[in-house]
Amino acid sequence: MGEKKVFGVVVLVMVYGLAVTTLITAQVPSTCNGYGPLLFQCVPYLVIGSSDPPTPHCCDGARVAFQRANNAEAIKNLCSCLVDAGPYLNFGLENLINLPAACNIQLSFSMDHCING
C-alpha cells in the first residue's frame, strides 16, 4: 500500500511540474527568446521570497545565458528579457541582481544597472 502512495505523490509532482512549466512558458515575453536556461532553471532561486541558494543546474543555465550577452546589443536584449519577464514570473529583483555573484559568474556589465536601468 505504501508503494501506491509514493507512486501517487510522484505522479502528482510530475503533473504539477508540467503545469507550472507550461504556465511559465506561456508567460515569457518574446524578448526572452534564447534565455530559457536562465529563466527556467533558476525559478526556485529567482522567485520573490526565496532564500534557497541557486542550484548547480541554475548556475549552468545562467552561465549559458550570460555568455550569450557578449556585446552591447546582446546585453540590452538580456536586460530587456529580465525586466520584461520578472513581473510575469514573480522574480525578486534582488535575486536577479545577486545571481551572478551567487553562481560565481563574472560579468562585463552591472546586473544592478541591467535591472534598474
PDB file of N, CA and C in Angstrom:
ATOM      1  N   MET A   1       0.814  -1.182   0.000  1.00  0.00           N
ATOM      2  CA  MET A   1       0.000   0.000   0.000  1.00  0.00           C
ATOM      3  C   MET A   1       0.864   1.256   0.000  1.00  0.00           C
ATOM      4  N   GLY A   2       1.999   1.228   0.677  1.00  0.00           N
ATOM      5  CA  GLY A   2       2.896   2.368   0.720  1.00  0.00           C
ATOM      6  C   GLY A   2       3.436   2.732  -0.648  1.00  0.00           C
ATOM      7  N   GLU A   3       3.649   1.714  -1.485  1.00  0.00           N
ATOM      8  CA  GLU A   3       4.163   1.971  -2.832  1.00  0.00           C
ATOM      9  C   GLU A   3       3.158   2.751  -3.662  1.00  0.00           C
ATOM     10  N   LYS A   4       1.862   2.468  -3.469  1.00  0.00           N
ATOM     11  CA  LYS A   4       0.832   3.189  -4.213  1.00  0.00           C
ATOM     12  C   LYS A   4       0.809   4.662  -3.820  1.00  0.00           C
ATOM     13  N   LYS A   5       1.005   4.945  -2.540  1.00  0.00           N
ATOM     14  CA  LYS A   5       1.027   6.335  -2.085  1.00  0.00           C
ATOM     15  C   LYS A   5       2.223   7.072  -2.666  1.00  0.00           C
ATOM     16  N   VAL A   6       3.377   6.418  -2.649  1.00  0.00           N
ATOM     17  CA  VAL A   6       4.580   7.033  -3.208  1.00  0.00           C
ATOM     18  C   VAL A   6       4.395   7.282  -4.699  1.00  0.00           C
ATOM     19  N   PHE A   7       3.852   6.295  -5.406  1.00  0.00           N
ATOM     20  CA  PHE A   7       3.611   6.453  -6.838  1.00  0.00           C
ATOM     21  C   PHE A   7       2.642   7.607  -7.086  1.00  0.00           C
ATOM     22  N   GLY A   8       1.592   7.700  -6.264  1.00  0.00           N
ATOM     23  CA  GLY A   8       0.623   8.783  -6.411  1.00  0.00           C
ATOM     24  C   GLY A   8       1.259  10.148  -6.202  1.00  0.00           C
ATOM     25  N   VAL A   9       2.120  10.256  -5.220  1.00  0.00           N
ATOM     26  CA  VAL A   9       2.814  11.522  -4.952  1.00  0.00           C
ATOM     27  C   VAL A   9       3.736  11.872  -6.121  1.00  0.00           C
ATOM     28  N   VAL A  10       4.451  10.887  -6.636  1.00  0.00           N
ATOM     29  CA  VAL A  10       5.357  11.124  -7.767  1.00  0.00           C
ATOM     30  C   VAL A  10       4.574  11.617  -8.975  1.00  0.00           C
ATOM     31  N   VAL A  11       3.450  10.984  -9.266  1.00  0.00           N
ATOM     32  CA  VAL A  11       2.624  11.401 -10.403  1.00  0.00           C
ATOM     33  C   VAL A  11       2.102  12.816 -10.179  1.00  0.00           C
ATOM     34  N   LEU A  12       1.649  13.118  -8.973  1.00  0.00           N
ATOM     35  CA  LEU A  12       1.147  14.453  -8.662  1.00  0.00           C
ATOM     36  C   LEU A  12       2.229  15.509  -8.858  1.00  0.00           C
ATOM     37  N   VAL A  13       3.424  15.233  -8.389  1.00  0.00           N
ATOM     38  CA  VAL A  13       4.537  16.173  -8.542  1.00  0.00           C
ATOM     39  C   VAL A  13       4.871  16.373 -10.017  1.00  0.00           C
ATOM     40  N   MET A  14       4.862  15.299 -10.792  1.00  0.00           N
ATOM     41  CA  MET A  14       5.160  15.407 -12.227  1.00  0.00           C
ATOM     42  C   MET A  14       4.102  16.243 -12.939  1.00  0.00           C
ATOM     43  N   VAL A  15       2.832  16.020 -12.635  1.00  0.00           N
ATOM     44  CA  VAL A  15       1.754  16.782 -13.264  1.00  0.00           C
ATOM     45  C   VAL A  15       1.854  18.256 -12.870  1.00  0.00           C
ATOM     46  N   TYR A  16       2.124  18.523 -11.594  1.00  0.00           N
ATOM     47  CA  TYR A  16       2.280  19.896 -11.139  1.00  0.00           C
ATOM     48  C   TYR A  16       3.446  20.572 -11.863  1.00  0.00           C
ATOM     49  N   GLY A  17       4.563  19.875 -11.958  1.00  0.00           N
ATOM     50  CA  GLY A  17       5.728  20.429 -12.649  1.00  0.00           C
ATOM     51  C   GLY A  17       5.434  20.745 -14.095  1.00  0.00           C
ATOM     52  N   LEU A  18       4.722  19.868 -14.776  1.00  0.00           N
ATOM     53  CA  LEU A  18       4.362  20.107 -16.165  1.00  0.00           C
ATOM     54  C   LEU A  18       3.438  21.313 -16.278  1.00  0.00           C
ATOM     55  N   ALA A  19       2.466  21.412 -15.382  1.00  0.00           N
ATOM     56  CA  ALA A  19       1.534  22.550 -15.410  1.00  0.00           C
ATOM     57  C   ALA A  19       2.267  23.864 -15.173  1.00  0.00           C
ATOM     58  N   VAL A  20       3.161  23.891 -14.201  1.00  0.00           N
ATOM     59  CA  VAL A  20       3.918  25.109 -13.902  1.00  0.00           C
ATOM     60  C   VAL A  20       4.812  25.485 -15.072  1.00  0.00           C
ATOM     61  N   THR A  21       5.502  24.499 -15.647  1.00  0.00           N
ATOM     62  CA  THR A  21       6.379  24.768 -16.787  1.00  0.00           C
ATOM     63  C   THR A  21       5.590  25.307 -17.960  1.00  0.00           C
ATOM     64  N   THR A  22       4.420  24.723 -18.233  1.00  0.00           N
ATOM     65  CA  THR A  22       3.585  25.200 -19.332  1.00  0.00           C
ATOM     66  C   THR A  22       3.111  26.615 -19.065  1.00  0.00           C
ATOM     67  N   LEU A  23       2.673  26.900 -17.849  1.00  0.00           N
ATOM     68  CA  LEU A  23       2.223  28.240 -17.490  1.00  0.00           C
ATOM     69  C   LEU A  23       3.359  29.242 -17.623  1.00  0.00           C
ATOM     70  N   ILE A  24       4.525  28.899 -17.100  1.00  0.00           N
ATOM     71  CA  ILE A  24       5.665  29.806 -17.161  1.00  0.00           C
ATOM     72  C   ILE A  24       6.062  30.058 -18.609  1.00  0.00           C
ATOM     73  N   THR A  25       6.108  29.009 -19.429  1.00  0.00           N
ATOM     74  CA  THR A  25       6.493  29.163 -20.833  1.00  0.00           C
ATOM     75  C   THR A  25       5.530  30.091 -21.544  1.00  0.00           C
ATOM     76  N   ALA A  26       4.235  29.996 -21.242  1.00  0.00           N
ATOM     77  CA  ALA A  26       3.243  30.847 -21.892  1.00  0.00           C
ATOM     78  C   ALA A  26       3.376  32.296 -21.462  1.00  0.00           C
ATOM     79  N   GLN A  27       3.935  32.554 -20.283  1.00  0.00           N
ATOM     80  CA  GLN A  27       4.024  33.912 -19.766  1.00  0.00           C
ATOM     81  C   GLN A  27       5.323  34.615 -20.134  1.00  0.00           C
ATOM     82  N   VAL A  28       6.265  33.933 -20.703  1.00  0.00           N
ATOM     83  CA  VAL A  28       7.558  34.531 -21.006  1.00  0.00           C
ATOM     84  C   VAL A  28       7.427  35.452 -22.216  1.00  0.00           C
ATOM     85  N   PRO A  29       7.824  36.703 -22.068  1.00  0.00           N
ATOM     86  CA  PRO A  29       7.759  37.647 -23.187  1.00  0.00           C
ATOM     87  C   PRO A  29       8.681  37.238 -24.335  1.00  0.00           C
ATOM     88  N   SER A  30       8.369  37.704 -25.519  1.00  0.00           N
ATOM     89  CA  SER A  30       9.149  37.342 -26.702  1.00  0.00           C
ATOM     90  C   SER A  30      10.579  37.863 -26.635  1.00  0.00           C
ATOM     91  N   THR A  31      10.848  38.859 -25.789  1.00  0.00           N
ATOM     92  CA  THR A  31      12.213  39.378 -25.660  1.00  0.00           C
ATOM     93  C   THR A  31      13.144  38.344 -25.047  1.00  0.00           C
ATOM     94  N   CYS A  32      12.587  37.257 -24.522  1.00  0.00           N
ATOM     95  CA  CYS A  32      13.393  36.250 -23.817  1.00  0.00           C
ATOM     96  C   CYS A  32      13.774  35.050 -24.676  1.00  0.00           C
ATOM     97  N   ASN A  33      13.537  35.124 -25.975  1.00  0.00           N
ATOM     98  CA  ASN A  33      13.927  34.011 -26.835  1.00  0.00           C
ATOM     99  C   ASN A  33      15.414  33.735 -26.674  1.00  0.00           C
ATOM    100  N   GLY A  34      15.726  32.500 -26.333  1.00  0.00           N
ATOM    101  CA  GLY A  34      17.115  32.103 -26.162  1.00  0.00           C
ATOM    102  C   GLY A  34      17.617  32.162 -24.733  1.00  0.00           C
ATOM    103  N   TYR A  35      16.818  32.707 -23.834  1.00  0.00           N
ATOM    104  CA  TYR A  35      17.255  32.813 -22.438  1.00  0.00           C
ATOM    105  C   TYR A  35      16.522  31.835 -21.519  1.00  0.00           C
ATOM    106  N   GLY A  36      15.915  30.833 -22.102  1.00  0.00           N
ATOM    107  CA  GLY A  36      15.199  29.820 -21.339  1.00  0.00           C
ATOM    108  C   GLY A  36      16.026  29.156 -20.253  1.00  0.00           C
ATOM    109  N   PRO A  37      17.290  28.783 -20.545  1.00  0.00           N
ATOM    110  CA  PRO A  37      18.070  28.121 -19.483  1.00  0.00           C
ATOM    111  C   PRO A  37      18.183  28.953 -18.212  1.00  0.00           C
ATOM    112  N   LEU A  38      18.354  30.237 -18.348  1.00  0.00           N
ATOM    113  CA  LEU A  38      18.438  31.109 -17.174  1.00  0.00           C
ATOM    114  C   LEU A  38      17.091  31.194 -16.475  1.00  0.00           C
ATOM    115  N   LEU A  39      16.048  31.452 -17.234  1.00  0.00           N
ATOM    116  CA  LEU A  39      14.738  31.668 -16.647  1.00  0.00           C
ATOM    117  C   LEU A  39      14.175  30.421 -15.978  1.00  0.00           C
ATOM    118  N   PHE A  40      14.196  29.306 -16.676  1.00  0.00           N
ATOM    119  CA  PHE A  40      13.508  28.119 -16.173  1.00  0.00           C
ATOM    120  C   PHE A  40      14.333  27.322 -15.166  1.00  0.00           C
ATOM    121  N   GLN A  41      15.625  27.270 -15.336  1.00  0.00           N
ATOM    122  CA  GLN A  41      16.450  26.501 -14.416  1.00  0.00           C
ATOM    123  C   GLN A  41      16.657  27.224 -13.094  1.00  0.00           C
ATOM    124  N   CYS A  42      16.408  28.522 -13.072  1.00  0.00           N
ATOM    125  CA  CYS A  42      16.654  29.307 -11.863  1.00  0.00           C
ATOM    126  C   CYS A  42      15.388  29.754 -11.145  1.00  0.00           C
ATOM    127  N   VAL A  43      14.236  29.281 -11.574  1.00  0.00           N
ATOM    128  CA  VAL A  43      12.981  29.707 -10.948  1.00  0.00           C
ATOM    129  C   VAL A  43      13.012  29.554  -9.430  1.00  0.00           C
ATOM    130  N   PRO A  44      13.441  28.410  -8.876  1.00  0.00           N
ATOM    131  CA  PRO A  44      13.408  28.287  -7.409  1.00  0.00           C
ATOM    132  C   PRO A  44      14.245  29.351  -6.690  1.00  0.00           C
ATOM    133  N   TYR A  45      15.320  29.799  -7.316  1.00  0.00           N
ATOM    134  CA  TYR A  45      16.159  30.828  -6.702  1.00  0.00           C
ATOM    135  C   TYR A  45      15.607  32.228  -6.945  1.00  0.00           C
ATOM    136  N   LEU A  46      15.050  32.464  -8.110  1.00  0.00           N
ATOM    137  CA  LEU A  46      14.687  33.819  -8.510  1.00  0.00           C
ATOM    138  C   LEU A  46      13.347  34.307  -8.003  1.00  0.00           C
ATOM    139  N   VAL A  47      12.439  33.418  -7.627  1.00  0.00           N
ATOM    140  CA  VAL A  47      11.114  33.884  -7.208  1.00  0.00           C
ATOM    141  C   VAL A  47      11.191  34.708  -5.928  1.00  0.00           C
ATOM    142  N   ILE A  48      10.276  35.665  -5.821  1.00  0.00           N
ATOM    143  CA  ILE A  48      10.231  36.553  -4.657  1.00  0.00           C
ATOM    144  C   ILE A  48      10.113  35.732  -3.381  1.00  0.00           C
ATOM    145  N   GLY A  49      10.923  36.065  -2.407  1.00  0.00           N
ATOM    146  CA  GLY A  49      10.863  35.409  -1.116  1.00  0.00           C
ATOM    147  C   GLY A  49      11.716  34.157  -0.997  1.00  0.00           C
ATOM    148  N   SER A  50      12.359  33.755  -2.065  1.00  0.00           N
ATOM    149  CA  SER A  50      13.176  32.546  -1.998  1.00  0.00           C
ATOM    150  C   SER A  50      14.457  32.825  -1.221  1.00  0.00           C
ATOM    151  N   SER A  51      14.772  31.912  -0.339  1.00  0.00           N
ATOM    152  CA  SER A  51      16.037  32.018   0.387  1.00  0.00           C
ATOM    153  C   SER A  51      16.956  30.853   0.025  1.00  0.00           C
ATOM    154  N   ASP A  52      16.510  30.032  -0.929  1.00  0.00           N
ATOM    155  CA  ASP A  52      17.331  28.912  -1.381  1.00  0.00           C
ATOM    156  C   ASP A  52      18.489  29.428  -2.224  1.00  0.00           C
ATOM    157  N   PRO A  53      19.670  28.842  -2.075  1.00  0.00           N
ATOM    158  CA  PRO A  53      20.765  29.225  -2.967  1.00  0.00           C
ATOM    159  C   PRO A  53      20.499  28.665  -4.359  1.00  0.00           C
ATOM    160  N   PRO A  54      21.105  29.245  -5.385  1.00  0.00           N
ATOM    161  CA  PRO A  54      20.913  28.691  -6.726  1.00  0.00           C
ATOM    162  C   PRO A  54      21.546  27.300  -6.814  1.00  0.00           C
ATOM    163  N   THR A  55      20.900  26.438  -7.552  1.00  0.00           N
ATOM    164  CA  THR A  55      21.409  25.081  -7.735  1.00  0.00           C
ATOM    165  C   THR A  55      22.514  25.094  -8.786  1.00  0.00           C
ATOM    166  N   PRO A  56      23.334  24.068  -8.831  1.00  0.00           N
ATOM    167  CA  PRO A  56      24.330  23.973  -9.909  1.00  0.00           C
ATOM    168  C   PRO A  56      23.671  24.012 -11.293  1.00  0.00           C
ATOM    169  N   HIS A  57      22.490  23.415 -11.410  1.00  0.00           N
ATOM    170  CA  HIS A  57      21.750  23.420 -12.682  1.00  0.00           C
ATOM    171  C   HIS A  57      21.368  24.856 -13.061  1.00  0.00           C
ATOM    172  N   CYS A  58      20.935  25.634 -12.081  1.00  0.00           N
ATOM    173  CA  CYS A  58      20.609  27.043 -12.300  1.00  0.00           C
ATOM    174  C   CYS A  58      21.851  27.800 -12.750  1.00  0.00           C
ATOM    175  N   CYS A  59      22.945  27.606 -12.047  1.00  0.00           N
ATOM    176  CA  CYS A  59      24.181  28.330 -12.379  1.00  0.00           C
ATOM    177  C   CYS A  59      24.678  27.967 -13.775  1.00  0.00           C
ATOM    178  N   ASP A  60      24.511  26.717 -14.172  1.00  0.00           N
ATOM    179  CA  ASP A  60      24.885  26.323 -15.537  1.00  0.00           C
ATOM    180  C   ASP A  60      24.033  27.068 -16.562  1.00  0.00           C
ATOM    181  N   GLY A  61      22.715  27.156 -16.314  1.00  0.00           N
ATOM    182  CA  GLY A  61      21.823  27.889 -17.213  1.00  0.00           C
ATOM    183  C   GLY A  61      22.142  29.369 -17.246  1.00  0.00           C
ATOM    184  N   ALA A  62      22.448  29.927 -16.081  1.00  0.00           N
ATOM    185  CA  ALA A  62      22.810  31.344 -16.012  1.00  0.00           C
ATOM    186  C   ALA A  62      24.099  31.601 -16.776  1.00  0.00           C
ATOM    187  N   ARG A  63      25.056  30.721 -16.616  1.00  0.00           N
ATOM    188  CA  ARG A  63      26.340  30.863 -17.305  1.00  0.00           C
ATOM    189  C   ARG A  63      26.134  30.876 -18.822  1.00  0.00           C
ATOM    190  N   VAL A  64      25.287  29.986 -19.323  1.00  0.00           N
ATOM    191  CA  VAL A  64      24.992  29.934 -20.759  1.00  0.00           C
ATOM    192  C   VAL A  64      24.358  31.245 -21.214  1.00  0.00           C
ATOM    193  N   ALA A  65      23.376  31.729 -20.463  1.00  0.00           N
ATOM    194  CA  ALA A  65      22.694  32.968 -20.840  1.00  0.00           C
ATOM    195  C   ALA A  65      23.637  34.156 -20.797  1.00  0.00           C
ATOM    196  N   PHE A  66      24.441  34.250 -19.737  1.00  0.00           N
ATOM    197  CA  PHE A  66      25.354  35.386 -19.621  1.00  0.00           C
ATOM    198  C   PHE A  66      26.460  35.337 -20.676  1.00  0.00           C
ATOM    199  N   GLN A  67      26.861  34.158 -21.105  1.00  0.00           N
ATOM    200  CA  GLN A  67      27.857  34.052 -22.176  1.00  0.00           C
ATOM    201  C   GLN A  67      27.286  34.567 -23.496  1.00  0.00           C
ATOM    202  N   ARG A  68      25.981  34.429 -23.678  1.00  0.00           N
ATOM    203  CA  ARG A  68      25.336  34.953 -24.889  1.00  0.00           C
ATOM    204  C   ARG A  68      25.353  36.478 -24.905  1.00  0.00           C
ATOM    205  N   ALA A  69      25.419  37.083 -23.731  1.00  0.00           N
ATOM    206  CA  ALA A  69      25.437  38.542 -23.621  1.00  0.00           C
ATOM    207  C   ALA A  69      26.877  39.027 -23.769  1.00  0.00           C
ATOM    208  N   ASN A  70      27.401  38.899 -24.989  1.00  0.00           N
ATOM    209  CA  ASN A  70      28.822  39.177 -25.231  1.00  0.00           C
ATOM    210  C   ASN A  70      29.067  40.447 -26.042  1.00  0.00           C
ATOM    211  N   ASN A  71      28.013  41.236 -26.279  1.00  0.00           N
ATOM    212  CA  ASN A  71      28.185  42.533 -26.929  1.00  0.00           C
ATOM    213  C   ASN A  71      27.048  43.443 -26.458  1.00  0.00           C
ATOM    214  N   ALA A  72      27.115  44.703 -26.817  1.00  0.00           N
ATOM    215  CA  ALA A  72      26.154  45.686 -26.298  1.00  0.00           C
ATOM    216  C   ALA A  72      24.714  45.325 -26.640  1.00  0.00           C
ATOM    217  N   GLU A  73      24.470  44.877 -27.850  1.00  0.00           N
ATOM    218  CA  GLU A  73      23.101  44.525 -28.246  1.00  0.00           C
ATOM    219  C   GLU A  73      22.598  43.298 -27.483  1.00  0.00           C
ATOM    220  N   ALA A  74      23.448  42.306 -27.317  1.00  0.00           N
ATOM    221  CA  ALA A  74      23.058  41.101 -26.591  1.00  0.00           C
ATOM    222  C   ALA A  74      22.805  41.405 -25.110  1.00  0.00           C
ATOM    223  N   ILE A  75      23.609  42.291 -24.533  1.00  0.00           N
ATOM    224  CA  ILE A  75      23.400  42.690 -23.137  1.00  0.00           C
ATOM    225  C   ILE A  75      22.063  43.410 -23.010  1.00  0.00           C
ATOM    226  N   LYS A  76      21.769  44.297 -23.957  1.00  0.00           N
ATOM    227  CA  LYS A  76      20.491  45.014 -23.945  1.00  0.00           C
ATOM    228  C   LYS A  76      19.330  44.030 -24.051  1.00  0.00           C
ATOM    229  N   ASN A  77      19.449  43.017 -24.904  1.00  0.00           N
ATOM    230  CA  ASN A  77      18.393  42.017 -25.051  1.00  0.00           C
ATOM    231  C   ASN A  77      18.198  41.219 -23.762  1.00  0.00           C
ATOM    232  N   LEU A  78      19.293  40.820 -23.134  1.00  0.00           N
ATOM    233  CA  LEU A  78      19.200  40.071 -21.880  1.00  0.00           C
ATOM    234  C   LEU A  78      18.531  40.925 -20.811  1.00  0.00           C
ATOM    235  N   CYS A  79      18.950  42.169 -20.688  1.00  0.00           N
ATOM    236  CA  CYS A  79      18.364  43.061 -19.681  1.00  0.00           C
ATOM    237  C   CYS A  79      16.871  43.263 -19.950  1.00  0.00           C
ATOM    238  N   SER A  80      16.506  43.470 -21.198  1.00  0.00           N
ATOM    239  CA  SER A  80      15.089  43.633 -21.547  1.00  0.00           C
ATOM    240  C   SER A  80      14.305  42.382 -21.181  1.00  0.00           C
ATOM    241  N   CYS A  81      14.872  41.232 -21.452  1.00  0.00           N
ATOM    242  CA  CYS A  81      14.223  39.970 -21.107  1.00  0.00           C
ATOM    243  C   CYS A  81      13.973  39.887 -19.613  1.00  0.00           C
ATOM    244  N   LEU A  82      15.005  40.148 -18.822  1.00  0.00           N
ATOM    245  CA  LEU A  82      14.875  40.027 -17.373  1.00  0.00           C
ATOM    246  C   LEU A  82      13.870  41.032 -16.807  1.00  0.00           C
ATOM    247  N   VAL A  83      13.897  42.261 -17.320  1.00  0.00           N
ATOM    248  CA  VAL A  83      12.960  43.289 -16.851  1.00  0.00           C
ATOM    249  C   VAL A  83      11.535  42.928 -17.278  1.00  0.00           C
ATOM    250  N   ASP A  84      11.372  42.435 -18.509  1.00  0.00           N
ATOM    251  CA  ASP A  84      10.043  42.077 -19.010  1.00  0.00           C
ATOM    252  C   ASP A  84       9.491  40.825 -18.332  1.00  0.00           C
ATOM    253  N   ALA A  85      10.340  39.828 -18.121  1.00  0.00           N
ATOM    254  CA  ALA A  85       9.881  38.544 -17.580  1.00  0.00           C
ATOM    255  C   ALA A  85       9.698  38.570 -16.072  1.00  0.00           C
ATOM    256  N   GLY A  86      10.455  39.394 -15.384  1.00  0.00           N
ATOM    257  CA  GLY A  86      10.422  39.420 -13.926  1.00  0.00           C
ATOM    258  C   GLY A  86       9.031  39.476 -13.314  1.00  0.00           C
ATOM    259  N   PRO A  87       8.202  40.450 -13.705  1.00  0.00           N
ATOM    260  CA  PRO A  87       6.862  40.527 -13.120  1.00  0.00           C
ATOM    261  C   PRO A  87       5.979  39.322 -13.459  1.00  0.00           C
ATOM    262  N   TYR A  88       6.094  38.802 -14.674  1.00  0.00           N
ATOM    263  CA  TYR A  88       5.292  37.656 -15.084  1.00  0.00           C
ATOM    264  C   TYR A  88       5.651  36.405 -14.291  1.00  0.00           C
ATOM    265  N   LEU A  89       6.935  36.253 -13.997  1.00  0.00           N
ATOM    266  CA  LEU A  89       7.412  35.038 -13.343  1.00  0.00           C
ATOM    267  C   LEU A  89       7.591  35.219 -11.842  1.00  0.00           C
ATOM    268  N   ASN A  90       7.236  36.409 -11.336  1.00  0.00           N
ATOM    269  CA  ASN A  90       7.308  36.690  -9.900  1.00  0.00           C
ATOM    270  C   ASN A  90       8.750  36.644  -9.380  1.00  0.00           C
ATOM    271  N   PHE A  91       9.681  37.138 -10.183  1.00  0.00           N
ATOM    272  CA  PHE A  91      11.087  37.152  -9.796  1.00  0.00           C
ATOM    273  C   PHE A  91      11.357  38.317  -8.857  1.00  0.00           C
ATOM    274  N   GLY A  92      12.196  38.073  -7.869  1.00  0.00           N
ATOM    275  CA  GLY A  92      12.661  39.128  -6.991  1.00  0.00           C
ATOM    276  C   GLY A  92      13.831  39.858  -7.632  1.00  0.00           C
ATOM    277  N   LEU A  93      13.759  41.179  -7.682  1.00  0.00           N
ATOM    278  CA  LEU A  93      14.830  41.964  -8.312  1.00  0.00           C
ATOM    279  C   LEU A  93      16.161  41.735  -7.614  1.00  0.00           C
ATOM    280  N   GLU A  94      16.133  41.632  -6.301  1.00  0.00           N
ATOM    281  CA  GLU A  94      17.363  41.403  -5.537  1.00  0.00           C
ATOM    282  C   GLU A  94      18.013  40.072  -5.945  1.00  0.00           C
ATOM    283  N   ASN A  95      17.183  39.054  -6.130  1.00  0.00           N
ATOM    284  CA  ASN A  95      17.716  37.752  -6.527  1.00  0.00           C
ATOM    285  C   ASN A  95      18.310  37.806  -7.934  1.00  0.00           C
ATOM    286  N   LEU A  96      17.651  38.529  -8.837  1.00  0.00           N
ATOM    287  CA  LEU A  96      18.203  38.685 -10.189  1.00  0.00           C
ATOM    288  C   LEU A  96      19.566  39.367 -10.140  1.00  0.00           C
ATOM    289  N   ILE A  97      19.637  40.431  -9.365  1.00  0.00           N
ATOM    290  CA  ILE A  97      20.885  41.190  -9.275  1.00  0.00           C
ATOM    291  C   ILE A  97      21.998  40.347  -8.656  1.00  0.00           C
ATOM    292  N   ASN A  98      21.648  39.527  -7.672  1.00  0.00           N
ATOM    293  CA  ASN A  98      22.654  38.725  -6.963  1.00  0.00           C
ATOM    294  C   ASN A  98      23.010  37.402  -7.644  1.00  0.00           C
ATOM    295  N   LEU A  99      22.274  37.018  -8.675  1.00  0.00           N
ATOM    296  CA  LEU A  99      22.501  35.718  -9.306  1.00  0.00           C
ATOM    297  C   LEU A  99      23.938  35.511  -9.793  1.00  0.00           C
ATOM    298  N   PRO A 100      24.532  36.448 -10.521  1.00  0.00           N
ATOM    299  CA  PRO A 100      25.910  36.205 -10.977  1.00  0.00           C
ATOM    300  C   PRO A 100      26.883  35.952  -9.823  1.00  0.00           C
ATOM    301  N   ALA A 101      26.787  36.749  -8.770  1.00  0.00           N
ATOM    302  CA  ALA A 101      27.681  36.555  -7.617  1.00  0.00           C
ATOM    303  C   ALA A 101      27.395  35.220  -6.931  1.00  0.00           C
ATOM    304  N   ALA A 102      26.107  34.877  -6.810  1.00  0.00           N
ATOM    305  CA  ALA A 102      25.732  33.620  -6.154  1.00  0.00           C
ATOM    306  C   ALA A 102      26.239  32.409  -6.935  1.00  0.00           C
ATOM    307  N   CYS A 103      26.384  32.569  -8.241  1.00  0.00           N
ATOM    308  CA  CYS A 103      26.884  31.482  -9.097  1.00  0.00           C
ATOM    309  C   CYS A 103      28.364  31.643  -9.437  1.00  0.00           C
ATOM    310  N   ASN A 104      28.988  32.653  -8.849  1.00  0.00           N
ATOM    311  CA  ASN A 104      30.411  32.918  -9.107  1.00  0.00           C
ATOM    312  C   ASN A 104      30.682  33.141 -10.596  1.00  0.00           C
ATOM    313  N   ILE A 105      29.852  33.982 -11.205  1.00  0.00           N
ATOM    314  CA  ILE A 105      29.979  34.317 -12.622  1.00  0.00           C
ATOM    315  C   ILE A 105      30.406  35.774 -12.727  1.00  0.00           C
ATOM    316  N   GLN A 106      31.501  36.023 -13.413  1.00  0.00           N
ATOM    317  CA  GLN A 106      31.975  37.391 -13.644  1.00  0.00           C
ATOM    318  C   GLN A 106      31.306  37.940 -14.900  1.00  0.00           C
ATOM    319  N   LEU A 107      30.722  39.125 -14.796  1.00  0.00           N
ATOM    320  CA  LEU A 107      30.056  39.749 -15.932  1.00  0.00           C
ATOM    321  C   LEU A 107      30.825  40.975 -16.397  1.00  0.00           C
ATOM    322  N   SER A 108      30.620  41.312 -17.661  1.00  0.00           N
ATOM    323  CA  SER A 108      31.238  42.513 -18.213  1.00  0.00           C
ATOM    324  C   SER A 108      30.312  43.722 -18.057  1.00  0.00           C
ATOM    325  N   PHE A 109      29.188  43.538 -17.362  1.00  0.00           N
ATOM    326  CA  PHE A 109      28.219  44.597 -17.153  1.00  0.00           C
ATOM    327  C   PHE A 109      27.632  44.466 -15.751  1.00  0.00           C
ATOM    328  N   SER A 110      26.974  45.502 -15.310  1.00  0.00           N
ATOM    329  CA  SER A 110      26.393  45.524 -13.971  1.00  0.00           C
ATOM    330  C   SER A 110      24.955  45.000 -14.013  1.00  0.00           C
ATOM    331  N   MET A 111      24.680  43.967 -13.234  1.00  0.00           N
ATOM    332  CA  MET A 111      23.302  43.457 -13.167  1.00  0.00           C
ATOM    333  C   MET A 111      22.380  44.486 -12.528  1.00  0.00           C
ATOM    334  N   ASP A 112      22.877  45.253 -11.582  1.00  0.00           N
ATOM    335  CA  ASP A 112      22.062  46.293 -10.964  1.00  0.00           C
ATOM    336  C   ASP A 112      21.622  47.296 -12.025  1.00  0.00           C
ATOM    337  N   HIS A 113      22.554  47.736 -12.827  1.00  0.00           N
ATOM    338  CA  HIS A 113      22.236  48.678 -13.908  1.00  0.00           C
ATOM    339  C   HIS A 113      21.315  48.021 -14.931  1.00  0.00           C
ATOM    340  N   CYS A 114      21.544  46.752 -15.209  1.00  0.00           N
ATOM    341  CA  CYS A 114      20.734  45.990 -16.158  1.00  0.00           C
ATOM    342  C   CYS A 114      19.269  45.951 -15.712  1.00  0.00           C
ATOM    343  N   ILE A 115      19.042  45.657 -14.445  1.00  0.00           N
ATOM    344  CA  ILE A 115      17.685  45.505 -13.924  1.00  0.00           C
ATOM    345  C   ILE A 115      17.041  46.844 -13.580  1.00  0.00           C
ATOM    346  N   ASN A 116      17.790  47.736 -12.981  1.00  0.00           N
ATOM    347  CA  ASN A 116      17.221  49.008 -12.524  1.00  0.00           C
ATOM    348  C   ASN A 116      17.448  50.176 -13.453  1.00  0.00           C
ATOM    349  N   GLY A 117      18.129  49.933 -14.562  1.00  0.00           N
ATOM    350  CA  GLY A 117      18.340  50.987 -15.545  1.00  0.00           C
ATOM    351  C   GLY A 117      19.471  51.913 -15.256  1.00  0.00           C
TER     352      GLY A 117
END
